[in-house]
Amino acid sequence: MSKNEIPFCVTKVTIKKVYHDGETHSVSVSSTKIHIDDFREQLMQACLAFGWSEVQVNDIFNSSCED
């Protein structure tokens, strides 16, 4: 896949889980030049590992894959 076919890359994401009692737990993940589809898969696995079936994803900063 050429760079032109990559829609965008994720550079940072903050995952926020709000529990029923109102408590909030946030996890920030930083990555460089990762394809969005690969990131989504990793995010899903990470959430399941945390035992989170529902998550709120905030603050996704996108940048071009080209340096």
PDB file of N, CA and C in Angstrom:
ATOM      1  N   MET A   1       0.844  -1.195   0.000  1.00  0.00           N
ATOM      2  CA  MET A   1       0.000   0.000   0.000  1.00  0.00           C
ATOM      3  C   MET A   1       0.882   1.249   0.000  1.00  0.00           C
ATOM      4  N   SER A   2       0.609   2.130  -0.913  1.00  0.00           N
ATOM      5  CA  SER A   2       1.403   3.351  -0.990  1.00  0.00           C
ATOM      6  C   SER A   2       0.902   4.361   0.025  1.00  0.00           C
ATOM      7  N   LYS A   3       1.710   5.372   0.277  1.00  0.00           N
ATOM      8  CA  LYS A   3       1.313   6.395   1.249  1.00  0.00           C
ATOM      9  C   LYS A   3       0.029   7.096   0.821  1.00  0.00           C
ATOM     10  N   ASN A   4      -0.152   7.226  -0.484  1.00  0.00           N
ATOM     11  CA  ASN A   4      -1.327   7.938  -0.971  1.00  0.00           C
ATOM     12  C   ASN A   4      -2.623   7.196  -0.647  1.00  0.00           C
ATOM     13  N   GLU A   5      -2.531   5.881  -0.416  1.00  0.00           N
ATOM     14  CA  GLU A   5      -3.727   5.102  -0.143  1.00  0.00           C
ATOM     15  C   GLU A   5      -4.073   5.069   1.342  1.00  0.00           C
ATOM     16  N   ILE A   6      -3.157   5.573   2.171  1.00  0.00           N
ATOM     17  CA  ILE A   6      -3.415   5.592   3.604  1.00  0.00           C
ATOM     18  C   ILE A   6      -4.209   6.852   3.947  1.00  0.00           C
ATOM     19  N   PRO A   7      -5.417   6.697   4.504  1.00  0.00           N
ATOM     20  CA  PRO A   7      -6.264   7.865   4.754  1.00  0.00           C
ATOM     21  C   PRO A   7      -5.665   8.828   5.771  1.00  0.00           C
ATOM     22  N   PHE A   8      -5.199   8.315   6.877  1.00  0.00           N
ATOM     23  CA  PHE A   8      -4.539   9.155   7.867  1.00  0.00           C
ATOM     24  C   PHE A   8      -3.921   8.272   8.930  1.00  0.00           C
ATOM     25  N   CYS A   9      -3.107   8.869   9.761  1.00  0.00           N
ATOM     26  CA  CYS A   9      -2.449   8.132  10.836  1.00  0.00           C
ATOM     27  C   CYS A   9      -2.880   8.705  12.177  1.00  0.00           C
ATOM     28  N   VAL A  10      -2.936   7.853  13.155  1.00  0.00           N
ATOM     29  CA  VAL A  10      -3.252   8.283  14.509  1.00  0.00           C
ATOM     30  C   VAL A  10      -1.953   8.550  15.246  1.00  0.00           C
ATOM     31  N   THR A  11      -1.862   9.699  15.880  1.00  0.00           N
ATOM     32  CA  THR A  11      -0.661  10.023  16.636  1.00  0.00           C
ATOM     33  C   THR A  11      -0.915  10.028  18.137  1.00  0.00           C
ATOM     34  N   LYS A  12      -2.147  10.297  18.530  1.00  0.00           N
ATOM     35  CA  LYS A  12      -2.463  10.274  19.963  1.00  0.00           C
ATOM     36  C   LYS A  12      -3.951  10.027  20.149  1.00  0.00           C
ATOM     37  N   VAL A  13      -4.272   9.275  21.168  1.00  0.00           N
ATOM     38  CA  VAL A  13      -5.679   9.056  21.495  1.00  0.00           C
ATOM     39  C   VAL A  13      -5.821   8.963  23.006  1.00  0.00           C
ATOM     40  N   THR A  14      -6.906   9.515  23.507  1.00  0.00           N
ATOM     41  CA  THR A  14      -7.223   9.392  24.925  1.00  0.00           C
ATOM     42  C   THR A  14      -8.493   8.558  25.054  1.00  0.00           C
ATOM     43  N   ILE A  15      -8.402   7.496  25.823  1.00  0.00           N
ATOM     44  CA  ILE A  15      -9.549   6.638  26.039  1.00  0.00           C
ATOM     45  C   ILE A  15     -10.118   6.958  27.415  1.00  0.00           C
ATOM     46  N   LYS A  16     -11.403   7.260  27.446  1.00  0.00           N
ATOM     47  CA  LYS A  16     -12.031   7.602  28.728  1.00  0.00           C
ATOM     48  C   LYS A  16     -13.182   6.648  29.016  1.00  0.00           C
ATOM     49  N   LYS A  17     -13.116   5.989  30.147  1.00  0.00           N
ATOM     50  CA  LYS A  17     -14.196   5.110  30.583  1.00  0.00           C
ATOM     51  C   LYS A  17     -14.881   5.745  31.775  1.00  0.00           C
ATOM     52  N   VAL A  18     -16.171   5.955  31.671  1.00  0.00           N
ATOM     53  CA  VAL A  18     -16.939   6.519  32.777  1.00  0.00           C
ATOM     54  C   VAL A  18     -17.743   5.388  33.421  1.00  0.00           C
ATOM     55  N   TYR A  19     -17.455   5.141  34.677  1.00  0.00           N
ATOM     56  CA  TYR A  19     -18.136   4.065  35.382  1.00  0.00           C
ATOM     57  C   TYR A  19     -19.506   4.526  35.857  1.00  0.00           C
ATOM     58  N   HIS A  20     -20.319   3.555  36.246  1.00  0.00           N
ATOM     59  CA  HIS A  20     -21.691   3.864  36.646  1.00  0.00           C
ATOM     60  C   HIS A  20     -21.744   4.767  37.874  1.00  0.00           C
ATOM     61  N   ASP A  21     -20.716   4.698  38.718  1.00  0.00           N
ATOM     62  CA  ASP A  21     -20.715   5.536  39.920  1.00  0.00           C
ATOM     63  C   ASP A  21     -20.183   6.939  39.635  1.00  0.00           C
ATOM     64  N   GLY A  22     -19.884   7.212  38.364  1.00  0.00           N
ATOM     65  CA  GLY A  22     -19.434   8.545  37.993  1.00  0.00           C
ATOM     66  C   GLY A  22     -17.930   8.695  37.949  1.00  0.00           C
ATOM     67  N   GLU A  23     -17.213   7.682  38.429  1.00  0.00           N
ATOM     68  CA  GLU A  23     -15.759   7.746  38.405  1.00  0.00           C
ATOM     69  C   GLU A  23     -15.259   7.637  36.966  1.00  0.00           C
ATOM     70  N   THR A  24     -14.221   8.395  36.672  1.00  0.00           N
ATOM     71  CA  THR A  24     -13.661   8.394  35.320  1.00  0.00           C
ATOM     72  C   THR A  24     -12.241   7.860  35.342  1.00  0.00           C
ATOM     73  N   HIS A  25     -11.950   7.010  34.393  1.00  0.00           N
ATOM     74  CA  HIS A  25     -10.599   6.470  34.266  1.00  0.00           C
ATOM     75  C   HIS A  25     -10.141   6.731  32.839  1.00  0.00           C
ATOM     76  N   SER A  26      -9.015   7.392  32.696  1.00  0.00           N
ATOM     77  CA  SER A  26      -8.529   7.737  31.368  1.00  0.00           C
ATOM     78  C   SER A  26      -7.178   7.094  31.100  1.00  0.00           C
ATOM     79  N   VAL A  27      -6.979   6.701  29.859  1.00  0.00           N
ATOM     80  CA  VAL A  27      -5.706   6.151  29.432  1.00  0.00           C
ATOM     81  C   VAL A  27      -5.307   6.863  28.149  1.00  0.00           C
ATOM     82  N   SER A  28      -4.115   7.411  28.125  1.00  0.00           N
ATOM     83  CA  SER A  28      -3.631   8.071  26.919  1.00  0.00           C
ATOM     84  C   SER A  28      -2.613   7.171  26.230  1.00  0.00           C
ATOM     85  N   VAL A  29      -2.736   7.072  24.931  1.00  0.00           N
ATOM     86  CA  VAL A  29      -1.823   6.252  24.152  1.00  0.00           C
ATOM     87  C   VAL A  29      -1.238   7.114  23.047  1.00  0.00           C
ATOM     88  N   SER A  30       0.064   7.112  22.946  1.00  0.00           N
ATOM     89  CA  SER A  30       0.716   7.847  21.871  1.00  0.00           C
ATOM     90  C   SER A  30       1.385   6.858  20.932  1.00  0.00           C
ATOM     91  N   SER A  31       1.283   7.121  19.652  1.00  0.00           N
ATOM     92  CA  SER A  31       1.901   6.252  18.673  1.00  0.00           C
ATOM     93  C   SER A  31       2.318   7.111  17.496  1.00  0.00           C
ATOM     94  N   THR A  32       3.245   6.606  16.724  1.00  0.00           N
ATOM     95  CA  THR A  32       3.683   7.361  15.563  1.00  0.00           C
ATOM     96  C   THR A  32       3.472   6.551  14.299  1.00  0.00           C
ATOM     97  N   LYS A  33       2.874   7.195  13.323  1.00  0.00           N
ATOM     98  CA  LYS A  33       2.738   6.618  11.991  1.00  0.00           C
ATOM     99  C   LYS A  33       2.100   5.234  11.983  1.00  0.00           C
ATOM    100  N   ILE A  34       0.980   5.113  12.644  1.00  0.00           N
ATOM    101  CA  ILE A  34       0.260   3.837  12.633  1.00  0.00           C
ATOM    102  C   ILE A  34      -1.004   4.007  11.802  1.00  0.00           C
ATOM    103  N   HIS A  35      -1.277   3.029  10.974  1.00  0.00           N
ATOM    104  CA  HIS A  35      -2.456   3.103  10.117  1.00  0.00           C
ATOM    105  C   HIS A  35      -3.711   3.002  10.973  1.00  0.00           C
ATOM    106  N   ILE A  36      -4.724   3.750  10.611  1.00  0.00           N
ATOM    107  CA  ILE A  36      -5.933   3.827  11.422  1.00  0.00           C
ATOM    108  C   ILE A  36      -6.571   2.460  11.640  1.00  0.00           C
ATOM    109  N   ASP A  37      -6.558   1.606  10.623  1.00  0.00           N
ATOM    110  CA  ASP A  37      -7.171   0.288  10.772  1.00  0.00           C
ATOM    111  C   ASP A  37      -6.412  -0.561  11.779  1.00  0.00           C
ATOM    112  N   ASP A  38      -5.072  -0.467  11.740  1.00  0.00           N
ATOM    113  CA  ASP A  38      -4.254  -1.204  12.702  1.00  0.00           C
ATOM    114  C   ASP A  38      -4.493  -0.668  14.106  1.00  0.00           C
ATOM    115  N   PHE A  39      -4.631   0.646  14.200  1.00  0.00           N
ATOM    116  CA  PHE A  39      -4.857   1.260  15.509  1.00  0.00           C
ATOM    117  C   PHE A  39      -6.196   0.831  16.092  1.00  0.00           C
ATOM    118  N   ARG A  40      -7.213   0.795  15.242  1.00  0.00           N
ATOM    119  CA  ARG A  40      -8.536   0.389  15.725  1.00  0.00           C
ATOM    120  C   ARG A  40      -8.495  -1.021  16.302  1.00  0.00           C
ATOM    121  N   GLU A  41      -7.767  -1.906  15.615  1.00  0.00           N
ATOM    122  CA  GLU A  41      -7.655  -3.285  16.091  1.00  0.00           C
ATOM    123  C   GLU A  41      -6.943  -3.336  17.437  1.00  0.00           C
ATOM    124  N   GLN A  42      -5.857  -2.585  17.563  1.00  0.00           N
ATOM    125  CA  GLN A  42      -5.116  -2.548  18.822  1.00  0.00           C
ATOM    126  C   GLN A  42      -5.955  -1.923  19.931  1.00  0.00           C
ATOM    127  N   LEU A  43      -6.721  -0.898  19.581  1.00  0.00           N
ATOM    128  CA  LEU A  43      -7.574  -0.232  20.561  1.00  0.00           C
ATOM    129  C   LEU A  43      -8.631  -1.196  21.084  1.00  0.00           C
ATOM    130  N   MET A  44      -9.242  -1.958  20.160  1.00  0.00           N
ATOM    131  CA  MET A  44     -10.261  -2.922  20.556  1.00  0.00           C
ATOM    132  C   MET A  44      -9.685  -3.961  21.505  1.00  0.00           C
ATOM    133  N   GLN A  45      -8.505  -4.482  21.177  1.00  0.00           N
ATOM    134  CA  GLN A  45      -7.875  -5.495  22.019  1.00  0.00           C
ATOM    135  C   GLN A  45      -7.518  -4.921  23.384  1.00  0.00           C
ATOM    136  N   ALA A  46      -7.043  -3.682  23.397  1.00  0.00           N
ATOM    137  CA  ALA A  46      -6.675  -3.044  24.661  1.00  0.00           C
ATOM    138  C   ALA A  46      -7.904  -2.852  25.545  1.00  0.00           C
ATOM    139  N   CYS A  47      -9.001  -2.435  24.945  1.00  0.00           N
ATOM    140  CA  CYS A  47     -10.227  -2.217  25.714  1.00  0.00           C
ATOM    141  C   CYS A  47     -10.736  -3.527  26.299  1.00  0.00           C
ATOM    142  N   LEU A  48     -10.681  -4.591  25.513  1.00  0.00           N
ATOM    143  CA  LEU A  48     -11.127  -5.885  26.007  1.00  0.00           C
ATOM    144  C   LEU A  48     -10.224  -6.370  27.132  1.00  0.00           C
ATOM    145  N   ALA A  49      -8.932  -6.088  27.013  1.00  0.00           N
ATOM    146  CA  ALA A  49      -7.984  -6.485  28.052  1.00  0.00           C
ATOM    147  C   ALA A  49      -8.280  -5.760  29.361  1.00  0.00           C
ATOM    148  N   PHE A  50      -8.738  -4.508  29.243  1.00  0.00           N
ATOM    149  CA  PHE A  50      -9.110  -3.739  30.423  1.00  0.00           C
ATOM    150  C   PHE A  50     -10.466  -4.176  30.967  1.00  0.00           C
ATOM    151  N   GLY A  51     -11.183  -4.957  30.182  1.00  0.00           N
ATOM    152  CA  GLY A  51     -12.510  -5.366  30.590  1.00  0.00           C
ATOM    153  C   GLY A  51     -13.553  -4.313  30.252  1.00  0.00           C
ATOM    154  N   TRP A  52     -13.200  -3.427  29.311  1.00  0.00           N
ATOM    155  CA  TRP A  52     -14.129  -2.370  28.915  1.00  0.00           C
ATOM    156  C   TRP A  52     -14.912  -2.818  27.693  1.00  0.00           C
ATOM    157  N   SER A  53     -16.211  -2.897  27.843  1.00  0.00           N
ATOM    158  CA  SER A  53     -17.043  -3.225  26.694  1.00  0.00           C
ATOM    159  C   SER A  53     -17.519  -1.954  26.003  1.00  0.00           C
ATOM    160  N   GLU A  54     -17.519  -0.859  26.763  1.00  0.00           N
ATOM    161  CA  GLU A  54     -17.914   0.424  26.189  1.00  0.00           C
ATOM    162  C   GLU A  54     -16.862   1.463  26.532  1.00  0.00           C
ATOM    163  N   VAL A  55     -16.419   2.193  25.552  1.00  0.00           N
ATOM    164  CA  VAL A  55     -15.425   3.230  25.792  1.00  0.00           C
ATOM    165  C   VAL A  55     -15.796   4.482  25.019  1.00  0.00           C
ATOM    166  N   GLN A  56     -15.276   5.595  25.488  1.00  0.00           N
ATOM    167  CA  GLN A  56     -15.446   6.865  24.797  1.00  0.00           C
ATOM    168  C   GLN A  56     -14.064   7.313  24.355  1.00  0.00           C
ATOM    169  N   VAL A  57     -13.908   7.500  23.068  1.00  0.00           N
ATOM    170  CA  VAL A  57     -12.607   7.877  22.534  1.00  0.00           C
ATOM    171  C   VAL A  57     -12.606   9.370  22.230  1.00  0.00           C
ATOM    172  N   ASN A  58     -11.656  10.076  22.826  1.00  0.00           N
ATOM    173  CA  ASN A  58     -11.563  11.523  22.659  1.00  0.00           C
ATOM    174  C   ASN A  58     -10.185  11.918  22.168  1.00  0.00           C
ATOM    175  N   ASP A  59     -10.103  13.116  21.626  1.00  0.00           N
ATOM    176  CA  ASP A  59      -8.818  13.735  21.327  1.00  0.00           C
ATOM    177  C   ASP A  59      -7.951  12.902  20.395  1.00  0.00           C
ATOM    178  N   ILE A  60      -8.476  12.590  19.234  1.00  0.00           N
ATOM    179  CA  ILE A  60      -7.668  11.906  18.232  1.00  0.00           C
ATOM    180  C   ILE A  60      -7.044  12.967  17.336  1.00  0.00           C
ATOM    181  N   PHE A  61      -5.723  13.003  17.354  1.00  0.00           N
ATOM    182  CA  PHE A  61      -5.009  13.965  16.526  1.00  0.00           C
ATOM    183  C   PHE A  61      -4.437  13.236  15.323  1.00  0.00           C
ATOM    184  N   ASN A  62      -4.822  13.675  14.141  1.00  0.00           N
ATOM    185  CA  ASN A  62      -4.386  13.008  12.927  1.00  0.00           C
ATOM    186  C   ASN A  62      -3.299  13.817  12.236  1.00  0.00           C
ATOM    187  N   SER A  63      -2.407  13.097  11.587  1.00  0.00           N
ATOM    188  CA  SER A  63      -1.390  13.767  10.793  1.00  0.00           C
ATOM    189  C   SER A  63      -1.141  12.948   9.545  1.00  0.00           C
ATOM    190  N   SER A  64      -0.569  13.575   8.565  1.00  0.00           N
ATOM    191  CA  SER A  64      -0.254  12.873   7.335  1.00  0.00           C
ATOM    192  C   SER A  64       0.776  11.795   7.614  1.00  0.00           C
ATOM    193  N   CYS A  65       0.694  10.706   6.870  1.00  0.00           N
ATOM    194  CA  CYS A  65       1.666   9.634   7.046  1.00  0.00           C
ATOM    195  C   CYS A  65       3.016  10.024   6.460  1.00  0.00           C
ATOM    196  N   GLU A  66       3.012  11.044   5.650  1.00  0.00           N
ATOM    197  CA  GLU A  66       4.264  11.463   5.036  1.00  0.00           C
ATOM    198  C   GLU A  66       5.040  12.347   5.995  1.00  0.00           C
ATOM    199  N   ASP A  67       6.339  12.132   6.053  1.00  0.00           N
ATOM    200  CA  ASP A  67       7.181  12.923   6.943  1.00  0.00           C
ATOM    201  C   ASP A  67       7.398  14.319   6.381  1.00  0.00           C
TER     202      ASP A  67
END
